[in-house]
Amino acid sequence: MAAGSLNTTKLLLKAIALGDLSGINAEVGSHWAANGDELMARVGVTSPIGTIQGGPASIAAWDLNNSIKPVGFMHSPSNARPGQPPTQMQLGMCVSDQTGTLTYRQDSDSVFVNWPLDANTVSQQARLEGLQKIAAQSGGQVLQNSDLGRPTMWHPLGGATMGQATDGETGELLGQSNLFVVDGALMPGSTAVANPSLTIAANAERIMENIIAKIS
């Protein structure tokens, strides 16, 4: 299974609810979080950022000496329009203070995220401290996601985590032989203060090698 954290977990929870899968432990849907992400920004940046930015984030920075906890930042695309102050989008990442759960709602065929926004205030303070350090070097007024209109979610992880709902070596669903998870649902809510894409890919390659050895 490789439908992504939310969809892989939804498919598993739906199959359990409909009675299509049995014998699966209760950890499916647990240990879910959003990689400690928060979309932030700096308005009025004094360092050159170019008139138009585009493409995926290509610059990252880490604050490993943060007084609260380590945080990382990706400098994301943003347009600086004429007459507007230069803006640099910043995606802050850290290890979430608390993970949540996913549950399946059969009446709407949807997955519900049980994860209160105020459960990660310590992480929010750490991200703010890290971005203020960046602003002290290259200027700009720091804005949090609440200042940008609404909270956002960029890297959902977990729901079928290794060693909890699935085997840590093969991603095989515990209690259901020959059903394997290979995507971000395996990650325990975060991937160590970094964009999870390469971690997910490397882990998928590791798991595929182990699956081949298991079934061949």
N, C-alpha and C. Protein backbone atom coordinates (compact mmCIF):
# COMPACT_ATOMS: atom_id res chain seq x y z
N MET A 1 0.84 -1.18 0.00
CA MET A 1 0.00 0.00 0.00
C MET A 1 0.88 1.23 0.00
N ALA A 2 0.57 2.17 -0.88
CA ALA A 2 1.37 3.38 -1.00
C ALA A 2 0.48 4.54 -1.44
N ALA A 3 -0.61 4.76 -0.73
CA ALA A 3 -1.56 5.81 -1.07
C ALA A 3 -1.33 7.08 -0.27
N GLY A 4 -0.26 7.11 0.53
CA GLY A 4 0.00 8.26 1.39
C GLY A 4 -0.60 8.05 2.77
N SER A 5 -0.08 8.78 3.73
CA SER A 5 -0.49 8.58 5.12
C SER A 5 -2.00 8.58 5.31
N LEU A 6 -2.68 9.60 4.83
CA LEU A 6 -4.11 9.71 5.06
C LEU A 6 -4.90 8.65 4.32
N ASN A 7 -4.58 8.43 3.05
CA ASN A 7 -5.37 7.49 2.24
C ASN A 7 -5.06 6.03 2.55
N THR A 8 -3.79 5.71 2.80
CA THR A 8 -3.46 4.34 3.20
C THR A 8 -4.19 3.99 4.49
N THR A 9 -4.12 4.90 5.47
CA THR A 9 -4.78 4.64 6.75
C THR A 9 -6.30 4.58 6.57
N LYS A 10 -6.84 5.45 5.73
CA LYS A 10 -8.28 5.42 5.48
C LYS A 10 -8.71 4.07 4.91
N LEU A 11 -7.96 3.57 3.92
CA LEU A 11 -8.31 2.29 3.31
C LEU A 11 -8.28 1.15 4.32
N LEU A 12 -7.28 1.18 5.21
CA LEU A 12 -7.18 0.13 6.23
C LEU A 12 -8.32 0.24 7.23
N LEU A 13 -8.58 1.46 7.71
CA LEU A 13 -9.66 1.64 8.68
C LEU A 13 -11.03 1.31 8.08
N LYS A 14 -11.21 1.66 6.82
CA LYS A 14 -12.46 1.34 6.14
C LYS A 14 -12.64 -0.16 6.00
N ALA A 15 -11.56 -0.86 5.63
CA ALA A 15 -11.65 -2.31 5.49
C ALA A 15 -11.96 -2.98 6.82
N ILE A 16 -11.41 -2.42 7.90
CA ILE A 16 -11.72 -2.96 9.23
C ILE A 16 -13.19 -2.72 9.57
N ALA A 17 -13.66 -1.49 9.32
CA ALA A 17 -15.04 -1.12 9.65
C ALA A 17 -16.05 -1.97 8.87
N LEU A 18 -15.72 -2.30 7.63
CA LEU A 18 -16.64 -3.07 6.79
C LEU A 18 -16.48 -4.58 6.99
N GLY A 19 -15.53 -4.96 7.82
CA GLY A 19 -15.33 -6.37 8.08
C GLY A 19 -14.52 -7.09 7.02
N ASP A 20 -13.86 -6.35 6.17
CA ASP A 20 -13.06 -6.98 5.11
C ASP A 20 -11.70 -7.44 5.60
N LEU A 21 -11.22 -6.86 6.69
CA LEU A 21 -9.96 -7.28 7.31
C LEU A 21 -10.21 -7.57 8.78
N SER A 22 -9.63 -8.63 9.27
CA SER A 22 -9.79 -8.97 10.68
C SER A 22 -8.44 -9.35 11.27
N GLY A 23 -8.35 -9.33 12.57
CA GLY A 23 -7.12 -9.72 13.24
C GLY A 23 -6.06 -8.65 13.30
N ILE A 24 -6.40 -7.41 12.86
CA ILE A 24 -5.44 -6.31 12.86
C ILE A 24 -5.45 -5.64 14.23
N ASN A 25 -4.26 -5.28 14.72
CA ASN A 25 -4.22 -4.67 16.05
C ASN A 25 -4.76 -3.25 16.03
N ALA A 26 -5.00 -2.74 17.24
CA ALA A 26 -5.67 -1.45 17.38
C ALA A 26 -4.77 -0.26 17.09
N GLU A 27 -3.52 -0.49 16.71
CA GLU A 27 -2.59 0.61 16.44
C GLU A 27 -2.83 1.27 15.08
N VAL A 28 -3.58 0.64 14.20
CA VAL A 28 -3.88 1.28 12.92
C VAL A 28 -4.68 2.56 13.17
N GLY A 29 -4.18 3.66 12.65
CA GLY A 29 -4.80 4.96 12.87
C GLY A 29 -4.12 5.78 13.94
N SER A 30 -3.14 5.17 14.64
CA SER A 30 -2.46 5.88 15.74
C SER A 30 -1.15 6.49 15.28
N HIS A 31 -0.55 7.29 16.18
CA HIS A 31 0.78 7.88 15.97
C HIS A 31 0.81 8.74 14.70
N TRP A 32 -0.22 9.56 14.53
CA TRP A 32 -0.31 10.42 13.35
C TRP A 32 0.01 11.85 13.73
N ALA A 33 0.76 12.53 12.88
CA ALA A 33 1.02 13.97 13.05
C ALA A 33 1.47 14.55 11.71
N ALA A 34 1.77 15.83 11.70
CA ALA A 34 2.08 16.54 10.45
C ALA A 34 3.53 17.00 10.39
N ASN A 35 4.44 16.15 10.89
CA ASN A 35 5.87 16.43 10.78
C ASN A 35 6.30 17.70 11.51
N GLY A 36 5.51 18.13 12.47
CA GLY A 36 5.85 19.36 13.19
C GLY A 36 5.85 20.58 12.31
N ASP A 37 5.04 20.57 11.25
CA ASP A 37 5.06 21.64 10.24
C ASP A 37 4.26 22.86 10.66
N GLU A 38 4.74 24.00 10.21
CA GLU A 38 3.98 25.25 10.30
C GLU A 38 4.45 26.16 9.18
N LEU A 39 3.52 26.63 8.37
CA LEU A 39 3.86 27.59 7.32
C LEU A 39 3.96 28.97 7.93
N MET A 40 5.14 29.57 7.79
CA MET A 40 5.41 30.89 8.34
C MET A 40 5.94 31.77 7.22
N ALA A 41 6.24 33.01 7.52
CA ALA A 41 6.75 33.91 6.48
C ALA A 41 7.51 35.06 7.13
N ARG A 42 8.33 35.69 6.32
CA ARG A 42 8.97 36.94 6.71
C ARG A 42 8.57 38.01 5.69
N VAL A 43 7.99 39.07 6.17
CA VAL A 43 7.56 40.18 5.32
C VAL A 43 8.55 41.32 5.46
N GLY A 44 8.93 41.92 4.33
CA GLY A 44 9.89 43.01 4.36
C GLY A 44 11.31 42.54 4.51
N VAL A 45 11.65 41.44 3.81
CA VAL A 45 12.99 40.88 3.90
C VAL A 45 13.99 41.83 3.26
N THR A 46 15.11 42.06 3.93
CA THR A 46 16.11 42.99 3.41
C THR A 46 17.14 42.31 2.52
N SER A 47 17.35 41.01 2.68
CA SER A 47 18.27 40.30 1.79
C SER A 47 17.60 40.07 0.44
N PRO A 48 18.37 40.04 -0.65
CA PRO A 48 17.78 39.81 -1.97
C PRO A 48 17.11 38.44 -2.06
N ILE A 49 15.87 38.39 -2.53
CA ILE A 49 15.18 37.12 -2.72
C ILE A 49 14.67 36.97 -4.15
N GLY A 50 14.97 37.94 -5.01
CA GLY A 50 14.52 37.87 -6.40
C GLY A 50 13.11 38.40 -6.55
N THR A 51 12.76 38.79 -7.77
CA THR A 51 11.43 39.34 -8.00
C THR A 51 10.37 38.25 -8.10
N ILE A 52 10.72 37.12 -8.70
CA ILE A 52 9.79 36.00 -8.84
C ILE A 52 10.50 34.73 -8.39
N GLN A 53 9.86 33.97 -7.54
CA GLN A 53 10.40 32.69 -7.10
C GLN A 53 9.49 31.59 -7.60
N GLY A 54 10.06 30.44 -7.91
CA GLY A 54 9.24 29.34 -8.40
C GLY A 54 9.93 28.01 -8.19
N GLY A 55 9.17 26.94 -8.41
CA GLY A 55 9.73 25.60 -8.26
C GLY A 55 9.71 25.15 -6.81
N PRO A 56 10.16 23.93 -6.55
CA PRO A 56 10.17 23.43 -5.18
C PRO A 56 11.19 24.16 -4.33
N ALA A 57 11.01 24.07 -3.02
CA ALA A 57 11.97 24.68 -2.11
C ALA A 57 13.35 24.09 -2.33
N SER A 58 14.36 24.94 -2.47
CA SER A 58 15.70 24.46 -2.79
C SER A 58 16.73 24.85 -1.73
N ILE A 59 16.30 25.56 -0.70
CA ILE A 59 17.21 25.99 0.36
C ILE A 59 16.61 25.60 1.70
N ALA A 60 17.43 25.04 2.57
CA ALA A 60 16.96 24.65 3.89
C ALA A 60 17.93 25.16 4.94
N ALA A 61 17.44 25.35 6.14
CA ALA A 61 18.28 25.80 7.26
C ALA A 61 17.82 25.07 8.51
N TRP A 62 18.77 24.81 9.42
CA TRP A 62 18.45 24.13 10.66
C TRP A 62 18.94 24.95 11.85
N ASP A 63 18.13 24.98 12.89
CA ASP A 63 18.50 25.60 14.15
C ASP A 63 18.64 24.48 15.18
N LEU A 64 19.83 23.91 15.23
CA LEU A 64 20.08 22.79 16.15
C LEU A 64 20.42 23.26 17.55
N ASN A 65 20.63 24.58 17.71
CA ASN A 65 20.92 25.14 19.02
C ASN A 65 19.71 25.87 19.61
N ASN A 66 18.55 25.55 19.09
CA ASN A 66 17.31 26.14 19.59
C ASN A 66 17.16 25.83 21.08
N SER A 67 16.73 26.82 21.86
CA SER A 67 16.63 26.62 23.31
C SER A 67 15.50 25.68 23.70
N ILE A 68 14.58 25.40 22.76
CA ILE A 68 13.43 24.55 23.06
C ILE A 68 13.59 23.16 22.47
N LYS A 69 13.79 23.09 21.17
CA LYS A 69 14.02 21.83 20.47
C LYS A 69 14.54 22.15 19.07
N PRO A 70 15.27 21.24 18.43
CA PRO A 70 15.77 21.51 17.07
C PRO A 70 14.62 21.74 16.08
N VAL A 71 14.83 22.67 15.17
CA VAL A 71 13.84 22.94 14.12
C VAL A 71 14.57 23.10 12.79
N GLY A 72 13.84 22.83 11.73
CA GLY A 72 14.38 23.04 10.39
C GLY A 72 13.44 23.92 9.59
N PHE A 73 13.97 24.58 8.55
CA PHE A 73 13.15 25.46 7.71
C PHE A 73 13.45 25.20 6.25
N MET A 74 12.41 25.19 5.44
CA MET A 74 12.55 25.21 3.99
C MET A 74 12.07 26.56 3.50
N HIS A 75 12.84 27.17 2.61
CA HIS A 75 12.47 28.45 2.03
C HIS A 75 11.60 28.19 0.81
N SER A 76 10.32 28.46 0.94
CA SER A 76 9.35 28.09 -0.09
C SER A 76 9.09 29.24 -1.06
N PRO A 77 8.57 28.91 -2.26
CA PRO A 77 8.31 29.95 -3.27
C PRO A 77 7.30 30.99 -2.81
N SER A 78 7.53 32.22 -3.24
CA SER A 78 6.61 33.31 -2.99
C SER A 78 6.88 34.40 -4.01
N ASN A 79 5.85 35.07 -4.43
CA ASN A 79 6.02 36.15 -5.39
C ASN A 79 6.13 37.50 -4.68
N ALA A 80 7.09 38.30 -5.10
CA ALA A 80 7.22 39.66 -4.59
C ALA A 80 6.69 40.61 -5.66
N ARG A 81 5.46 41.10 -5.48
CA ARG A 81 4.81 41.92 -6.49
C ARG A 81 5.22 43.38 -6.32
N PRO A 82 5.19 44.14 -7.41
CA PRO A 82 5.54 45.56 -7.33
C PRO A 82 4.66 46.28 -6.31
N GLY A 83 5.29 47.08 -5.49
CA GLY A 83 4.56 47.84 -4.49
C GLY A 83 4.30 47.10 -3.19
N GLN A 84 4.65 45.79 -3.15
CA GLN A 84 4.47 45.03 -1.93
C GLN A 84 5.82 44.71 -1.32
N PRO A 85 5.89 44.59 -0.01
CA PRO A 85 7.19 44.28 0.63
C PRO A 85 7.65 42.88 0.24
N PRO A 86 8.95 42.70 0.04
CA PRO A 86 9.47 41.37 -0.29
C PRO A 86 9.09 40.35 0.80
N THR A 87 8.58 39.22 0.36
CA THR A 87 8.10 38.19 1.28
C THR A 87 8.81 36.88 1.02
N GLN A 88 9.24 36.23 2.08
CA GLN A 88 9.86 34.91 1.98
C GLN A 88 9.04 33.93 2.80
N MET A 89 8.44 32.94 2.13
CA MET A 89 7.71 31.90 2.83
C MET A 89 8.69 30.95 3.51
N GLN A 90 8.35 30.52 4.70
CA GLN A 90 9.21 29.62 5.47
C GLN A 90 8.36 28.48 6.03
N LEU A 91 8.70 27.25 5.71
CA LEU A 91 8.01 26.11 6.29
C LEU A 91 8.87 25.57 7.42
N GLY A 92 8.41 25.77 8.66
CA GLY A 92 9.13 25.27 9.82
C GLY A 92 8.76 23.83 10.11
N MET A 93 9.76 23.02 10.51
CA MET A 93 9.54 21.60 10.78
C MET A 93 10.26 21.20 12.07
N CYS A 94 9.62 20.32 12.85
CA CYS A 94 10.26 19.80 14.05
C CYS A 94 9.58 18.49 14.43
N VAL A 95 9.95 17.92 15.54
CA VAL A 95 9.28 16.71 16.04
C VAL A 95 8.07 17.16 16.86
N SER A 96 6.90 16.71 16.47
CA SER A 96 5.66 17.14 17.12
C SER A 96 5.68 16.82 18.61
N ASP A 97 5.08 17.70 19.40
CA ASP A 97 4.97 17.46 20.83
C ASP A 97 4.07 16.27 21.11
N GLN A 98 3.05 16.13 20.30
CA GLN A 98 2.03 15.11 20.56
C GLN A 98 1.48 14.61 19.23
N THR A 99 1.29 13.31 19.12
CA THR A 99 0.66 12.75 17.94
C THR A 99 -0.83 12.56 18.19
N GLY A 100 -1.56 12.33 17.11
CA GLY A 100 -2.99 12.13 17.21
C GLY A 100 -3.41 10.82 16.58
N THR A 101 -4.68 10.69 16.28
CA THR A 101 -5.21 9.47 15.69
C THR A 101 -6.10 9.81 14.50
N LEU A 102 -6.28 8.82 13.65
CA LEU A 102 -7.21 8.91 12.53
C LEU A 102 -8.33 7.90 12.74
N THR A 103 -9.55 8.32 12.48
CA THR A 103 -10.69 7.41 12.58
C THR A 103 -11.50 7.49 11.29
N TYR A 104 -12.17 6.41 10.97
CA TYR A 104 -12.95 6.33 9.73
C TYR A 104 -14.42 6.61 10.03
N ARG A 105 -15.01 7.50 9.22
CA ARG A 105 -16.43 7.81 9.33
C ARG A 105 -17.18 7.18 8.17
N GLN A 106 -17.91 6.14 8.49
CA GLN A 106 -18.58 5.38 7.44
C GLN A 106 -19.70 6.17 6.78
N ASP A 107 -20.35 7.07 7.54
CA ASP A 107 -21.48 7.82 6.98
C ASP A 107 -21.05 8.76 5.87
N SER A 108 -19.80 9.23 5.93
CA SER A 108 -19.30 10.16 4.90
C SER A 108 -18.13 9.58 4.10
N ASP A 109 -17.77 8.34 4.39
CA ASP A 109 -16.64 7.68 3.74
C ASP A 109 -15.40 8.57 3.77
N SER A 110 -15.09 9.04 4.96
CA SER A 110 -13.97 9.96 5.12
C SER A 110 -13.17 9.58 6.35
N VAL A 111 -11.94 10.10 6.40
CA VAL A 111 -11.11 9.87 7.57
C VAL A 111 -11.06 11.17 8.37
N PHE A 112 -11.21 11.05 9.69
CA PHE A 112 -11.26 12.20 10.57
C PHE A 112 -9.96 12.28 11.36
N VAL A 113 -9.37 13.48 11.42
CA VAL A 113 -8.12 13.69 12.14
C VAL A 113 -8.43 14.14 13.56
N ASN A 114 -8.05 13.34 14.54
CA ASN A 114 -8.22 13.68 15.94
C ASN A 114 -6.90 14.24 16.46
N TRP A 115 -6.71 15.52 16.29
CA TRP A 115 -5.41 16.13 16.60
C TRP A 115 -5.61 17.61 16.92
N PRO A 116 -5.77 17.96 18.20
CA PRO A 116 -6.03 19.37 18.55
C PRO A 116 -4.85 20.26 18.19
N LEU A 117 -5.16 21.41 17.62
CA LEU A 117 -4.12 22.33 17.17
C LEU A 117 -3.27 22.84 18.32
N ASP A 118 -3.87 22.97 19.51
CA ASP A 118 -3.12 23.52 20.63
C ASP A 118 -2.27 22.47 21.34
N ALA A 119 -2.18 21.27 20.77
CA ALA A 119 -1.39 20.21 21.40
C ALA A 119 0.10 20.35 21.12
N ASN A 120 0.46 21.27 20.26
CA ASN A 120 1.85 21.41 19.87
C ASN A 120 2.35 22.84 20.04
N THR A 121 1.95 23.48 21.13
CA THR A 121 2.35 24.87 21.36
C THR A 121 3.85 25.00 21.62
N VAL A 122 4.46 23.99 22.23
CA VAL A 122 5.90 24.04 22.48
C VAL A 122 6.65 24.04 21.16
N SER A 123 6.22 23.19 20.23
CA SER A 123 6.83 23.17 18.90
C SER A 123 6.67 24.51 18.20
N GLN A 124 5.51 25.12 18.35
CA GLN A 124 5.27 26.42 17.73
C GLN A 124 6.23 27.46 18.27
N GLN A 125 6.49 27.42 19.56
CA GLN A 125 7.43 28.37 20.16
C GLN A 125 8.84 28.12 19.64
N ALA A 126 9.21 26.86 19.44
CA ALA A 126 10.53 26.54 18.92
C ALA A 126 10.70 27.03 17.49
N ARG A 127 9.68 26.85 16.66
CA ARG A 127 9.74 27.33 15.28
C ARG A 127 9.84 28.85 15.23
N LEU A 128 9.09 29.52 16.10
CA LEU A 128 9.13 30.97 16.14
C LEU A 128 10.52 31.46 16.54
N GLU A 129 11.13 30.83 17.52
CA GLU A 129 12.48 31.22 17.93
C GLU A 129 13.47 31.03 16.78
N GLY A 130 13.36 29.91 16.06
CA GLY A 130 14.28 29.66 14.95
C GLY A 130 14.12 30.66 13.83
N LEU A 131 12.88 31.00 13.50
CA LEU A 131 12.66 31.95 12.40
C LEU A 131 13.09 33.36 12.80
N GLN A 132 12.97 33.70 14.06
CA GLN A 132 13.44 35.00 14.51
C GLN A 132 14.96 35.11 14.36
N LYS A 133 15.67 34.00 14.52
CA LYS A 133 17.11 34.01 14.30
C LYS A 133 17.42 34.27 12.82
N ILE A 134 16.64 33.67 11.93
CA ILE A 134 16.84 33.91 10.50
C ILE A 134 16.55 35.37 10.17
N ALA A 135 15.47 35.90 10.74
CA ALA A 135 15.11 37.29 10.49
C ALA A 135 16.18 38.25 11.00
N ALA A 136 16.84 37.88 12.09
CA ALA A 136 17.89 38.73 12.64
C ALA A 136 19.07 38.83 11.69
N GLN A 137 19.25 37.83 10.83
CA GLN A 137 20.36 37.82 9.89
C GLN A 137 20.00 38.44 8.55
N SER A 138 18.77 38.22 8.09
CA SER A 138 18.43 38.70 6.74
C SER A 138 17.17 39.56 6.70
N GLY A 139 16.67 39.96 7.88
CA GLY A 139 15.59 40.94 7.93
C GLY A 139 14.22 40.34 7.79
N GLY A 140 13.24 41.20 7.95
CA GLY A 140 11.85 40.80 7.78
C GLY A 140 11.11 40.66 9.09
N GLN A 141 9.81 40.87 9.02
CA GLN A 141 8.93 40.68 10.16
C GLN A 141 8.35 39.28 10.10
N VAL A 142 8.45 38.54 11.19
CA VAL A 142 8.02 37.14 11.22
C VAL A 142 6.50 37.04 11.32
N LEU A 143 5.92 36.22 10.46
CA LEU A 143 4.49 35.92 10.51
C LEU A 143 4.31 34.43 10.72
N GLN A 144 3.39 34.04 11.62
CA GLN A 144 3.05 32.64 11.81
C GLN A 144 1.86 32.28 10.94
N ASN A 145 1.52 30.97 10.89
CA ASN A 145 0.44 30.58 9.99
C ASN A 145 -0.89 31.21 10.38
N SER A 146 -1.07 31.53 11.66
CA SER A 146 -2.30 32.20 12.06
C SER A 146 -2.40 33.59 11.45
N ASP A 147 -1.25 34.21 11.18
CA ASP A 147 -1.23 35.52 10.54
C ASP A 147 -1.46 35.41 9.03
N LEU A 148 -1.29 34.20 8.49
CA LEU A 148 -1.44 34.00 7.05
C LEU A 148 -2.86 33.61 6.67
N GLY A 149 -3.75 33.53 7.62
CA GLY A 149 -5.14 33.25 7.30
C GLY A 149 -5.70 32.03 8.00
N ARG A 150 -4.97 30.89 7.91
CA ARG A 150 -5.45 29.68 8.56
C ARG A 150 -4.30 28.69 8.67
N PRO A 151 -4.38 27.76 9.62
CA PRO A 151 -3.32 26.74 9.73
C PRO A 151 -3.27 25.87 8.48
N THR A 152 -2.11 25.37 8.17
CA THR A 152 -1.94 24.51 7.00
C THR A 152 -1.25 23.22 7.40
N MET A 153 -1.37 22.21 6.56
CA MET A 153 -0.78 20.91 6.81
C MET A 153 -0.05 20.46 5.55
N TRP A 154 1.24 20.14 5.70
CA TRP A 154 2.05 19.86 4.53
C TRP A 154 2.57 18.43 4.45
N HIS A 155 2.89 17.84 5.57
CA HIS A 155 3.52 16.52 5.54
C HIS A 155 2.83 15.56 6.52
N PRO A 156 1.63 15.10 6.20
CA PRO A 156 0.96 14.13 7.09
C PRO A 156 1.71 12.82 7.13
N LEU A 157 1.94 12.31 8.34
CA LEU A 157 2.72 11.09 8.53
C LEU A 157 2.08 10.23 9.60
N GLY A 158 2.19 8.91 9.44
CA GLY A 158 1.73 7.99 10.45
C GLY A 158 0.40 7.35 10.10
N GLY A 159 -0.11 6.58 11.04
CA GLY A 159 -1.36 5.86 10.85
C GLY A 159 -1.16 4.36 10.74
N ALA A 160 0.01 3.94 10.26
CA ALA A 160 0.34 2.51 10.17
C ALA A 160 1.83 2.38 10.49
N THR A 161 2.23 2.90 11.62
CA THR A 161 3.64 3.09 11.92
C THR A 161 4.40 1.79 12.14
N MET A 162 5.68 1.84 11.79
CA MET A 162 6.57 0.69 11.94
C MET A 162 6.72 0.33 13.41
N GLY A 163 6.66 -0.96 13.69
CA GLY A 163 6.83 -1.43 15.05
C GLY A 163 5.58 -1.29 15.90
N GLN A 164 4.55 -0.67 15.37
CA GLN A 164 3.29 -0.49 16.10
C GLN A 164 2.16 -1.20 15.36
N ALA A 165 1.82 -0.71 14.18
CA ALA A 165 0.78 -1.34 13.38
C ALA A 165 1.36 -2.27 12.33
N THR A 166 2.64 -2.08 12.01
CA THR A 166 3.28 -2.86 10.95
C THR A 166 4.65 -3.36 11.40
N ASP A 167 5.14 -4.37 10.72
CA ASP A 167 6.46 -4.90 11.01
C ASP A 167 7.53 -3.88 10.61
N GLY A 168 8.52 -3.70 11.47
CA GLY A 168 9.53 -2.68 11.21
C GLY A 168 10.48 -3.02 10.09
N GLU A 169 10.57 -4.26 9.69
CA GLU A 169 11.50 -4.67 8.64
C GLU A 169 10.85 -4.75 7.27
N THR A 170 9.59 -5.13 7.23
CA THR A 170 8.93 -5.36 5.94
C THR A 170 7.72 -4.46 5.70
N GLY A 171 7.24 -3.76 6.74
CA GLY A 171 6.02 -2.98 6.59
C GLY A 171 4.77 -3.83 6.53
N GLU A 172 4.90 -5.13 6.81
CA GLU A 172 3.75 -6.03 6.76
C GLU A 172 2.79 -5.69 7.90
N LEU A 173 1.51 -5.61 7.57
CA LEU A 173 0.51 -5.26 8.56
C LEU A 173 0.41 -6.37 9.60
N LEU A 174 0.60 -6.01 10.87
CA LEU A 174 0.55 -7.01 11.93
C LEU A 174 -0.86 -7.60 12.03
N GLY A 175 -0.94 -8.90 11.99
CA GLY A 175 -2.23 -9.58 12.04
C GLY A 175 -2.83 -9.83 10.68
N GLN A 176 -2.15 -9.40 9.61
CA GLN A 176 -2.67 -9.60 8.25
C GLN A 176 -1.49 -9.91 7.33
N SER A 177 -1.23 -11.16 7.09
CA SER A 177 -0.05 -11.54 6.32
C SER A 177 -0.17 -11.11 4.86
N ASN A 178 0.99 -10.80 4.29
CA ASN A 178 1.12 -10.46 2.87
C ASN A 178 0.40 -9.17 2.47
N LEU A 179 0.18 -8.29 3.42
CA LEU A 179 -0.33 -6.94 3.12
C LEU A 179 0.70 -5.97 3.68
N PHE A 180 1.34 -5.22 2.77
CA PHE A 180 2.49 -4.41 3.15
C PHE A 180 2.21 -2.92 2.94
N VAL A 181 2.70 -2.11 3.85
CA VAL A 181 2.64 -0.65 3.74
C VAL A 181 4.05 -0.15 3.46
N VAL A 182 4.20 0.77 2.49
CA VAL A 182 5.54 1.23 2.11
C VAL A 182 5.67 2.75 2.07
N ASP A 183 4.67 3.50 2.53
CA ASP A 183 4.68 4.96 2.33
C ASP A 183 4.82 5.71 3.65
N GLY A 184 4.41 6.97 3.66
CA GLY A 184 4.56 7.82 4.83
C GLY A 184 3.71 7.41 6.01
N ALA A 185 2.76 6.51 5.82
CA ALA A 185 1.97 6.02 6.94
C ALA A 185 2.85 5.28 7.94
N LEU A 186 4.03 4.83 7.50
CA LEU A 186 4.95 4.11 8.39
C LEU A 186 5.68 5.03 9.35
N MET A 187 5.78 6.31 9.03
CA MET A 187 6.56 7.25 9.84
C MET A 187 5.79 7.64 11.11
N PRO A 188 6.45 7.72 12.26
CA PRO A 188 5.76 8.02 13.52
C PRO A 188 5.46 9.51 13.72
N GLY A 189 4.79 10.11 12.76
CA GLY A 189 4.37 11.50 12.91
C GLY A 189 5.36 12.56 12.52
N SER A 190 6.65 12.20 12.40
CA SER A 190 7.66 13.17 11.99
C SER A 190 8.90 12.42 11.53
N THR A 191 9.77 13.13 10.81
CA THR A 191 11.00 12.53 10.32
C THR A 191 12.20 13.40 10.68
N ALA A 192 12.37 13.59 11.98
CA ALA A 192 13.60 14.19 12.52
C ALA A 192 13.93 15.56 11.92
N VAL A 193 12.97 16.47 11.93
CA VAL A 193 13.21 17.88 11.62
C VAL A 193 13.59 18.10 10.15
N ALA A 194 13.02 17.32 9.26
CA ALA A 194 13.35 17.46 7.84
C ALA A 194 12.15 17.11 6.98
N ASN A 195 12.18 17.57 5.74
CA ASN A 195 11.19 17.14 4.76
C ASN A 195 11.22 15.62 4.68
N PRO A 196 10.06 14.96 4.78
CA PRO A 196 10.08 13.50 4.88
C PRO A 196 10.26 12.75 3.56
N SER A 197 10.28 13.44 2.44
CA SER A 197 10.23 12.75 1.14
C SER A 197 11.38 11.76 0.94
N LEU A 198 12.61 12.18 1.24
CA LEU A 198 13.74 11.28 1.02
C LEU A 198 13.75 10.15 2.04
N THR A 199 13.32 10.42 3.27
CA THR A 199 13.23 9.37 4.29
C THR A 199 12.21 8.32 3.87
N ILE A 200 11.07 8.77 3.38
CA ILE A 200 10.03 7.84 2.93
C ILE A 200 10.56 7.00 1.76
N ALA A 201 11.23 7.64 0.82
CA ALA A 201 11.74 6.92 -0.35
C ALA A 201 12.80 5.89 0.05
N ALA A 202 13.73 6.30 0.91
CA ALA A 202 14.79 5.38 1.34
C ALA A 202 14.21 4.21 2.12
N ASN A 203 13.24 4.49 2.96
CA ASN A 203 12.63 3.41 3.74
C ASN A 203 11.85 2.47 2.84
N ALA A 204 11.20 3.01 1.82
CA ALA A 204 10.46 2.16 0.88
C ALA A 204 11.41 1.22 0.13
N GLU A 205 12.57 1.72 -0.26
CA GLU A 205 13.56 0.86 -0.93
C GLU A 205 14.04 -0.24 0.02
N ARG A 206 14.30 0.12 1.27
CA ARG A 206 14.73 -0.87 2.26
C ARG A 206 13.67 -1.94 2.44
N ILE A 207 12.42 -1.52 2.56
CA ILE A 207 11.33 -2.45 2.78
C ILE A 207 11.13 -3.37 1.57
N MET A 208 11.24 -2.82 0.37
CA MET A 208 11.05 -3.64 -0.82
C MET A 208 12.08 -4.75 -0.89
N GLU A 209 13.33 -4.44 -0.52
CA GLU A 209 14.36 -5.48 -0.50
C GLU A 209 14.00 -6.57 0.50
N ASN A 210 13.46 -6.18 1.64
CA ASN A 210 13.09 -7.16 2.65
C ASN A 210 11.86 -7.95 2.25
N ILE A 211 10.92 -7.30 1.55
CA ILE A 211 9.73 -8.01 1.08
C ILE A 211 10.11 -9.08 0.06
N ILE A 212 10.99 -8.72 -0.87
CA ILE A 212 11.41 -9.67 -1.89
C ILE A 212 12.05 -10.90 -1.25
N ALA A 213 12.90 -10.64 -0.25
CA ALA A 213 13.54 -11.76 0.44
C ALA A 213 12.53 -12.62 1.18
N LYS A 214 11.47 -11.99 1.67
CA LYS A 214 10.46 -12.71 2.46
C LYS A 214 9.56 -13.60 1.58
N ILE A 215 9.18 -13.09 0.42
CA ILE A 215 8.19 -13.81 -0.39
C ILE A 215 8.81 -14.64 -1.49
N SER A 216 10.12 -14.48 -1.75
CA SER A 216 10.75 -15.23 -2.84
C SER A 216 11.19 -16.61 -2.36
